[in-house]
C-alpha atoms as a PDB file:
ATOM      1  CA  MET A   1       0.000   0.000   0.000  1.00  0.00           C
ATOM      2  CA  LYS A   2       2.799   2.418   0.822  1.00  0.00           C
ATOM      3  CA  PHE A   3       4.512   1.760  -2.556  1.00  0.00           C
ATOM      4  CA  ASN A   4       1.330   2.269  -4.522  1.00  0.00           C
ATOM      5  CA  ARG A   5       0.554   5.515  -2.697  1.00  0.00           C
ATOM      6  CA  SER A   6       3.996   6.923  -3.534  1.00  0.00           C
ATOM      7  CA  THR A   7       3.631   5.957  -7.162  1.00  0.00           C
ATOM      8  CA  THR A   8       0.244   7.598  -7.342  1.00  0.00           C
ATOM      9  CA  ASN A   9       1.591  10.859  -5.895  1.00  0.00           C
ATOM     10  CA  HIS A  10       4.483  10.798  -8.342  1.00  0.00           C
ATOM     11  CA  ASP A  11       2.170  10.328 -11.313  1.00  0.00           C
ATOM     12  CA  HIS A  12      -0.067  13.157 -10.085  1.00  0.00           C
ATOM     13  CA  ALA A  13       2.902  15.532  -9.793  1.00  0.00           C
ATOM     14  CA  THR A  14       4.101  14.551 -13.240  1.00  0.00           C
ATOM     15  CA  THR A  15       0.678  15.283 -14.639  1.00  0.00           C
ATOM     16  CA  GLU A  16       0.570  18.751 -13.007  1.00  0.00           C
ATOM     17  CA  THR A  17       4.014  19.775 -14.258  1.00  0.00           C
ATOM     18  CA  ALA A  18       3.621  18.441 -17.778  1.00  0.00           C
ATOM     19  CA  PRO A  19       4.325  21.122 -20.415  1.00  0.00           C
ATOM     20  CA  ALA A  20       1.536  22.464 -22.548  1.00  0.00           C
ATOM     21  CA  ALA A  21       1.020  21.017 -25.979  1.00  0.00           C
ATOM     22  CA  SER A  22       3.221  22.487 -28.659  1.00  0.00           C
ATOM     23  CA  GLY A  23       0.236  23.598 -30.722  1.00  0.00           C
ATOM     24  CA  SER A  24      -1.315  25.772 -27.977  1.00  0.00           C
ATOM     25  CA  HIS A  25      -0.752  29.558 -27.758  1.00  0.00           C
ATOM     26  CA  PRO A  26      -0.738  31.679 -24.608  1.00  0.00           C
ATOM     27  CA  PRO A  27      -3.393  34.397 -24.375  1.00  0.00           C
ATOM     28  CA  GLU A  28      -2.430  37.854 -25.612  1.00  0.00           C
ATOM     29  CA  HIS A  29      -2.661  39.471 -22.204  1.00  0.00           C
ATOM     30  CA  ALA A  30      -0.218  36.911 -20.848  1.00  0.00           C
ATOM     31  CA  ALA A  31       2.328  37.874 -23.498  1.00  0.00           C
ATOM     32  CA  GLY A  32       1.973  41.581 -22.629  1.00  0.00           C
ATOM     33  CA  ARG A  33       0.482  42.612 -25.978  1.00  0.00           C
ATOM     34  CA  HIS A  34      -2.389  45.134 -26.150  1.00  0.00           C
ATOM     35  CA  GLU A  35      -4.517  45.670 -29.197  1.00  0.00           C
ATOM     36  CA  PRO A  36      -5.429  49.418 -29.365  1.00  0.00           C
ATOM     37  CA  THR A  37      -9.093  50.255 -29.531  1.00  0.00           C
ATOM     38  CA  HIS A  38     -10.657  52.353 -32.273  1.00  0.00           C
ATOM     39  CA  GLY A  39     -10.570  55.445 -30.081  1.00  0.00           C
ATOM     40  CA  GLU A  40      -6.917  54.914 -29.187  1.00  0.00           C
ATOM     41  CA  ARG A  41      -5.992  54.498 -32.856  1.00  0.00           C
ATOM     42  CA  LEU A  42      -7.726  57.786 -33.657  1.00  0.00           C
ATOM     43  CA  VAL A  43      -5.786  59.536 -30.900  1.00  0.00           C
ATOM     44  CA  LEU A  44      -2.469  58.127 -32.118  1.00  0.00           C
ATOM     45  CA  THR A  45      -3.233  59.043 -35.727  1.00  0.00           C
ATOM     46  CA  ASP A  46      -4.299  62.564 -34.786  1.00  0.00           C
ATOM     47  CA  ARG A  47      -1.149  63.037 -32.719  1.00  0.00           C
ATOM     48  CA  ALA A  48       1.093  61.898 -35.584  1.00  0.00           C
ATOM     49  CA  GLN A  49      -0.696  64.122 -38.102  1.00  0.00           C
ATOM     50  CA  ARG A  50      -0.568  67.108 -35.764  1.00  0.00           C
ATOM     51  CA  GLU A  51       3.184  66.687 -35.235  1.00  0.00           C
ATOM     52  CA  ARG A  52       3.758  66.561 -38.995  1.00  0.00           C
ATOM     53  CA  PHE A  53       1.235  69.076 -40.334  1.00  0.00           C
ATOM     54  CA  GLY A  54       0.456  71.254 -37.291  1.00  0.00           C
ATOM     55  CA  GLY A  55       1.670  74.740 -36.494  1.00  0.00           C
ATOM     56  CA  ALA A  56       1.001  78.079 -38.136  1.00  0.00           C
ATOM     57  CA  GLN A  57       0.508  77.887 -41.899  1.00  0.00           C
ATOM     58  CA  VAL A  58       1.496  81.110 -43.651  1.00  0.00           C
ATOM     59  CA  GLY A  59      -0.231  80.123 -46.883  1.00  0.00           C
ATOM     60  CA  ALA A  60      -3.531  79.458 -45.148  1.00  0.00           C
ATOM     61  CA  GLY A  61      -3.151  82.687 -43.194  1.00  0.00           C
ATOM     62  CA  PHE A  62      -2.554  84.680 -46.382  1.00  0.00           C
ATOM     63  CA  PHE A  63      -5.652  83.328 -48.099  1.00  0.00           C
ATOM     64  CA  GLY A  64      -7.592  83.879 -44.905  1.00  0.00           C
ATOM     65  CA  TRP A  65      -6.477  87.513 -44.944  1.00  0.00           C
ATOM     66  CA  LEU A  66      -7.588  87.854 -48.578  1.00  0.00           C
ATOM     67  CA  THR A  67     -10.974  86.443 -47.595  1.00  0.00           C
ATOM     68  CA  GLY A  68     -11.246  88.958 -44.787  1.00  0.00           C
ATOM     69  CA  ILE A  69     -10.458  91.804 -47.209  1.00  0.00           C
ATOM     70  CA  GLY A  70     -13.215  90.638 -49.552  1.00  0.00           C
ATOM     71  CA  VAL A  71     -15.760  90.291 -46.751  1.00  0.00           C
ATOM     72  CA  ALA A  72     -14.853  93.737 -45.424  1.00  0.00           C
ATOM     73  CA  ALA A  73     -15.279  95.350 -48.846  1.00  0.00           C
ATOM     74  CA  ILE A  74     -18.706  93.763 -49.281  1.00  0.00           C
ATOM     75  CA  LEU A  75     -19.867  94.777 -45.806  1.00  0.00           C
ATOM     76  CA  VAL A  76     -18.623  98.341 -46.244  1.00  0.00           C
ATOM     77  CA  GLY A  77     -20.530  98.597 -49.515  1.00  0.00           C
ATOM     78  CA  ILE A  78     -23.712  97.338 -47.860  1.00  0.00           C
ATOM     79  CA  VAL A  79     -23.450  99.676 -44.878  1.00  0.00           C
ATOM     80  CA  ALA A  80     -22.558 102.641 -47.093  1.00  0.00           C
ATOM     81  CA  ALA A  81     -25.570 101.949 -49.305  1.00  0.00           C
ATOM     82  CA  VAL A  82     -27.868 101.722 -46.294  1.00  0.00           C
ATOM     83  CA  SER A  83     -26.402 104.912 -44.859  1.00  0.00           C
ATOM     84  CA  ALA A  84     -26.955 106.744 -48.140  1.00  0.00           C
ATOM     85  CA  ALA A  85     -30.512 105.427 -48.370  1.00  0.00           C
ATOM     86  CA  VAL A  86     -31.567 106.609 -44.917  1.00  0.00           C
ATOM     87  CA  GLY A  87     -29.770 109.940 -45.230  1.00  0.00           C
ATOM     88  CA  ASP A  88     -28.369 111.523 -42.086  1.00  0.00           C
ATOM     89  CA  ALA A  89     -30.373 109.333 -39.714  1.00  0.00           C
ATOM     90  CA  MET A  90     -27.399 107.043 -39.061  1.00  0.00           C
ATOM     91  CA  GLU A  91     -24.968 109.939 -38.588  1.00  0.00           C
ATOM     92  CA  VAL A  92     -22.207 107.853 -40.159  1.00  0.00           C
ATOM     93  CA  THR A  93     -19.927 109.117 -42.914  1.00  0.00           C
ATOM     94  CA  GLU A  94     -17.961 106.890 -45.264  1.00  0.00           C
ATOM     95  CA  ASP A  95     -14.641 108.229 -43.972  1.00  0.00           C
ATOM     96  CA  GLU A  96     -15.666 107.338 -40.424  1.00  0.00           C
ATOM     97  CA  LEU A  97     -16.795 103.915 -41.559  1.00  0.00           C
ATOM     98  CA  LEU A  98     -13.432 103.272 -43.209  1.00  0.00           C
ATOM     99  CA  GLY A  99     -11.478 104.576 -40.226  1.00  0.00           C
ATOM    100  CA  ARG A 100     -10.036 107.513 -42.183  1.00  0.00           C
ATOM    101  CA  SER A 101     -11.378 110.259 -39.964  1.00  0.00           C
ATOM    102  CA  ALA A 102      -9.592 111.689 -36.942  1.00  0.00           C
ATOM    103  CA  ASP A 103     -12.895 112.199 -35.129  1.00  0.00           C
ATOM    104  CA  ILE A 104     -15.157 109.137 -35.096  1.00  0.00           C
ATOM    105  CA  GLY A 105     -18.677 109.161 -33.707  1.00  0.00           C
ATOM    106  CA  VAL A 106     -20.055 106.468 -31.431  1.00  0.00           C
ATOM    107  CA  ALA A 107     -22.247 104.876 -34.094  1.00  0.00           C
ATOM    108  CA  ALA A 108     -19.427 104.830 -36.635  1.00  0.00           C
ATOM    109  CA  ALA A 109     -17.002 103.405 -34.060  1.00  0.00           C
ATOM    110  CA  ILE A 110     -19.349 100.549 -33.188  1.00  0.00           C
ATOM    111  CA  ILE A 111     -20.010  99.743 -36.837  1.00  0.00           C
ATOM    112  CA  LEU A 112     -16.290  99.902 -37.655  1.00  0.00           C
ATOM    113  CA  VAL A 113     -15.343  97.501 -34.852  1.00  0.00           C
ATOM    114  CA  VAL A 114     -18.137  95.089 -35.809  1.00  0.00           C
ATOM    115  CA  LEU A 115     -17.059  95.095 -39.462  1.00  0.00           C
ATOM    116  CA  VAL A 116     -13.448  94.462 -38.494  1.00  0.00           C
ATOM    117  CA  MET A 117     -14.428  91.577 -36.210  1.00  0.00           C
ATOM    118  CA  ILE A 118     -16.644  89.947 -38.840  1.00  0.00           C
ATOM    119  CA  SER A 119     -13.894  90.257 -41.443  1.00  0.00           C
ATOM    120  CA  TYR A 120     -11.242  88.737 -39.179  1.00  0.00           C
ATOM    121  CA  ALA A 121     -13.601  85.965 -38.095  1.00  0.00           C
ATOM    122  CA  ALA A 122     -14.205  85.045 -41.737  1.00  0.00           C
ATOM    123  CA  GLY A 123     -10.488  85.139 -42.488  1.00  0.00           C
ATOM    124  CA  GLY A 124      -9.633  83.034 -39.458  1.00  0.00           C
ATOM    125  CA  TYR A 125     -12.313  80.502 -40.361  1.00  0.00           C
ATOM    126  CA  VAL A 126     -10.955  80.063 -43.882  1.00  0.00           C
ATOM    127  CA  ALA A 127      -7.393  79.685 -42.592  1.00  0.00           C
ATOM    128  CA  GLY A 128      -8.473  77.138 -39.974  1.00  0.00           C
ATOM    129  CA  ARG A 129     -10.548  75.201 -42.483  1.00  0.00           C
ATOM    130  CA  MET A 130      -7.606  75.046 -44.888  1.00  0.00           C
ATOM    131  CA  SER A 131      -4.976  73.999 -42.354  1.00  0.00           C
ATOM    132  CA  ARG A 132      -6.968  71.384 -40.351  1.00  0.00           C
ATOM    133  CA  PHE A 133      -4.921  71.776 -37.142  1.00  0.00           C
ATOM    134  CA  ASP A 134      -4.156  74.566 -34.639  1.00  0.00           C
ATOM    135  CA  GLY A 135      -7.041  76.849 -35.551  1.00  0.00           C
ATOM    136  CA  ALA A 136      -6.106  79.549 -33.047  1.00  0.00           C
ATOM    137  CA  ARG A 137      -2.620  79.795 -34.547  1.00  0.00           C
ATOM    138  CA  GLN A 138      -4.079  80.150 -38.023  1.00  0.00           C
ATOM    139  CA  GLY A 139      -6.300  82.978 -36.827  1.00  0.00           C
ATOM    140  CA  LEU A 140      -3.312  84.653 -35.197  1.00  0.00           C
ATOM    141  CA  THR A 141      -1.418  84.302 -38.483  1.00  0.00           C
ATOM    142  CA  VAL A 142      -4.238  86.096 -40.325  1.00  0.00           C
ATOM    143  CA  TRP A 143      -4.140  88.929 -37.787  1.00  0.00           C
ATOM    144  CA  ILE A 144      -0.342  89.270 -37.987  1.00  0.00           C
ATOM    145  CA  ILE A 145      -0.354  89.258 -41.795  1.00  0.00           C
ATOM    146  CA  SER A 146      -2.956  92.020 -41.731  1.00  0.00           C
ATOM    147  CA  LEU A 147      -0.800  94.168 -39.450  1.00  0.00           C
ATOM    148  CA  VAL A 148       2.271  93.548 -41.613  1.00  0.00           C
ATOM    149  CA  VAL A 149       0.402  94.538 -44.777  1.00  0.00           C
ATOM    150  CA  ILE A 150      -0.981  97.679 -43.108  1.00  0.00           C
ATOM    151  CA  ALA A 151       2.504  98.650 -41.908  1.00  0.00           C
ATOM    152  CA  ILE A 152       4.052  98.077 -45.348  1.00  0.00           C
ATOM    153  CA  ALA A 153       1.299 100.037 -47.095  1.00  0.00           C
ATOM    154  CA  ALA A 154       1.653 102.906 -44.626  1.00  0.00           C
ATOM    155  CA  ALA A 155       5.433 102.941 -45.076  1.00  0.00           C
ATOM    156  CA  LEU A 156       5.140 102.999 -48.869  1.00  0.00           C
ATOM    157  CA  GLY A 157       2.609 105.799 -48.659  1.00  0.00           C
ATOM    158  CA  ALA A 158       4.833 107.824 -46.337  1.00  0.00           C
ATOM    159  CA  VAL A 159       7.981 107.384 -48.434  1.00  0.00           C
ATOM    160  CA  PHE A 160       6.677 107.504 -52.009  1.00  0.00           C
ATOM    161  CA  GLY A 161       3.404 109.376 -51.584  1.00  0.00           C
ATOM    162  CA  SER A 162      -0.234 108.561 -51.005  1.00  0.00           C
ATOM    163  CA  GLU A 163      -0.614 107.135 -54.522  1.00  0.00           C
ATOM    164  CA  TYR A 164       1.358 104.088 -53.332  1.00  0.00           C
ATOM    165  CA  ASP A 165      -0.927 103.502 -50.353  1.00  0.00           C
ATOM    166  CA  VAL A 166      -2.676 100.421 -51.731  1.00  0.00           C
ATOM    167  CA  LEU A 167      -5.155 100.048 -48.883  1.00  0.00           C
ATOM    168  CA  ALA A 168      -6.372 103.609 -49.403  1.00  0.00           C
ATOM    169  CA  ARG A 169      -7.587 102.558 -52.859  1.00  0.00           C
ATOM    170  CA  VAL A 170      -9.676  99.707 -51.457  1.00  0.00           C
ATOM    171  CA  ASP A 171     -12.852 100.434 -49.525  1.00  0.00           C
ATOM    172  CA  VAL A 172     -12.096  98.311 -46.472  1.00  0.00           C
ATOM    173  CA  PRO A 173     -12.112  99.308 -42.797  1.00  0.00           C
ATOM    174  CA  GLU A 174      -8.736 100.505 -41.576  1.00  0.00           C
ATOM    175  CA  VAL A 175      -7.467 100.877 -38.041  1.00  0.00           C
ATOM    176  CA  PRO A 176      -7.021 104.666 -37.720  1.00  0.00           C
ATOM    177  CA  LEU A 177      -3.361 104.707 -36.736  1.00  0.00           C
ATOM    178  CA  THR A 178      -1.860 106.808 -39.530  1.00  0.00           C
ATOM    179  CA  THR A 179      -3.786 110.016 -38.883  1.00  0.00           C
ATOM    180  CA  ASP A 180      -1.602 112.828 -37.563  1.00  0.00           C
ATOM    181  CA  GLU A 181      -3.952 113.926 -34.825  1.00  0.00           C
ATOM    182  CA  LEU A 182      -6.194 111.285 -33.323  1.00  0.00           C
ATOM    183  CA  SER A 183      -9.036 112.120 -31.002  1.00  0.00           C
ATOM    184  CA  TRP A 184      -9.745 110.023 -27.933  1.00  0.00           C
ATOM    185  CA  GLY A 185     -12.640 108.408 -29.775  1.00  0.00           C
ATOM    186  CA  ALA A 186     -10.454 107.396 -32.702  1.00  0.00           C
ATOM    187  CA  GLY A 187      -7.759 106.051 -30.373  1.00  0.00           C
ATOM    188  CA  ILE A 188     -10.247 103.949 -28.415  1.00  0.00           C
ATOM    189  CA  THR A 189     -11.773 102.733 -31.672  1.00  0.00           C
ATOM    190  CA  ALA A 190      -8.337 101.723 -32.962  1.00  0.00           C
ATOM    191  CA  ALA A 191      -7.577  99.751 -29.791  1.00  0.00           C
ATOM    192  CA  ALA A 192     -11.002  98.092 -29.837  1.00  0.00           C
ATOM    193  CA  ALA A 193     -10.591  97.181 -33.510  1.00  0.00           C
ATOM    194  CA  LEU A 194      -7.165  95.634 -32.897  1.00  0.00           C
ATOM    195  CA  VAL A 195      -8.238  93.603 -29.877  1.00  0.00           C
ATOM    196  CA  GLY A 196     -11.629  92.694 -31.337  1.00  0.00           C
ATOM    197  CA  GLY A 197     -10.058  91.658 -34.618  1.00  0.00           C
ATOM    198  CA  LEU A 198      -7.548  89.442 -32.821  1.00  0.00           C
ATOM    199  CA  LEU A 199     -10.224  87.711 -30.745  1.00  0.00           C
ATOM    200  CA  ALA A 200     -12.451  87.259 -33.785  1.00  0.00           C
ATOM    201  CA  ALA A 201      -9.588  85.778 -35.816  1.00  0.00           C
ATOM    202  CA  LEU A 202      -8.736  83.321 -33.038  1.00  0.00           C
ATOM    203  CA  GLY A 203     -12.367  82.268 -32.694  1.00  0.00           C
ATOM    204  CA  GLY A 204     -12.807  81.941 -36.446  1.00  0.00           C
ATOM    205  CA  GLY A 205      -9.705  79.785 -36.723  1.00  0.00           C
ATOM    206  CA  LYS A 206     -10.902  77.415 -34.007  1.00  0.00           C
ATOM    207  CA  ALA A 207     -14.330  77.223 -35.655  1.00  0.00           C
ATOM    208  CA  GLY A 208     -12.669  76.315 -38.953  1.00  0.00           C
ATOM    209  CA  THR A 209     -10.754  73.371 -37.493  1.00  0.00           C
ATOM    210  CA  HIS A 210     -13.837  72.190 -35.572  1.00  0.00           C
ATOM    211  CA  TYR A 211     -15.225  70.872 -38.864  1.00  0.00           C
ATOM    212  CA  HIS A 212     -12.258  68.500 -39.189  1.00  0.00           C
ATOM    213  CA  ARG A 213     -12.635  67.330 -35.597  1.00  0.00           C
ATOM    214  CA  ARG A 214     -16.247  66.357 -36.349  1.00  0.00           C
ATOM    215  CA  ILE A 215     -15.073  64.260 -39.299  1.00  0.00           C
ATOM    216  CA  ASP A 216     -12.397  62.570 -37.181  1.00  0.00           C
ATOM    217  CA  ARG A 217     -15.001  61.467 -34.647  1.00  0.00           C
ATOM    218  CA  VAL A 218     -17.058  59.606 -37.272  1.00  0.00           C
END
């Protein structure tokens, strides 16, 4: 009985320690492998694309600025036509509307700032829609390009004469910074237009890239 009991225990131990069949495979979690989910793959893909194609895009910013110029010209034409139709009821002159007057009334200042913000928002949206990533940076690029163009046009006009001031030949709102004597109203309007335009461009850029984020979530 003692011999048989020992043999039985030995056989049982041998059975427990027997290696697995050669055709069997360990489970994936035992080998330490992890299959990424659909959401994780989207995150990894978005991160790789952002690293390669993200950042400020000067080309998108330039075309966004051109869009803003076109929108501004259309809006100025509409407001000027309405102002001419209603006569002096609006108390807004075209020079005030374009920011070319040293003394700007309250109504003209509000309309000027609103036109500038709408124009920058449209430009930022186009830049963000074109670039796919970093919408706020694209809007900032539109705003910076606008300031650079204004500075270059003002410098050309100051050096070579007003006939080289390109922006003066286009009916678009201008920030009244080149007038010799600015009133307090014009100065406040200029600051509001600069800050409002920047915020509108940033918001428009983020709105433009939001369209791509919606597609990525599908």
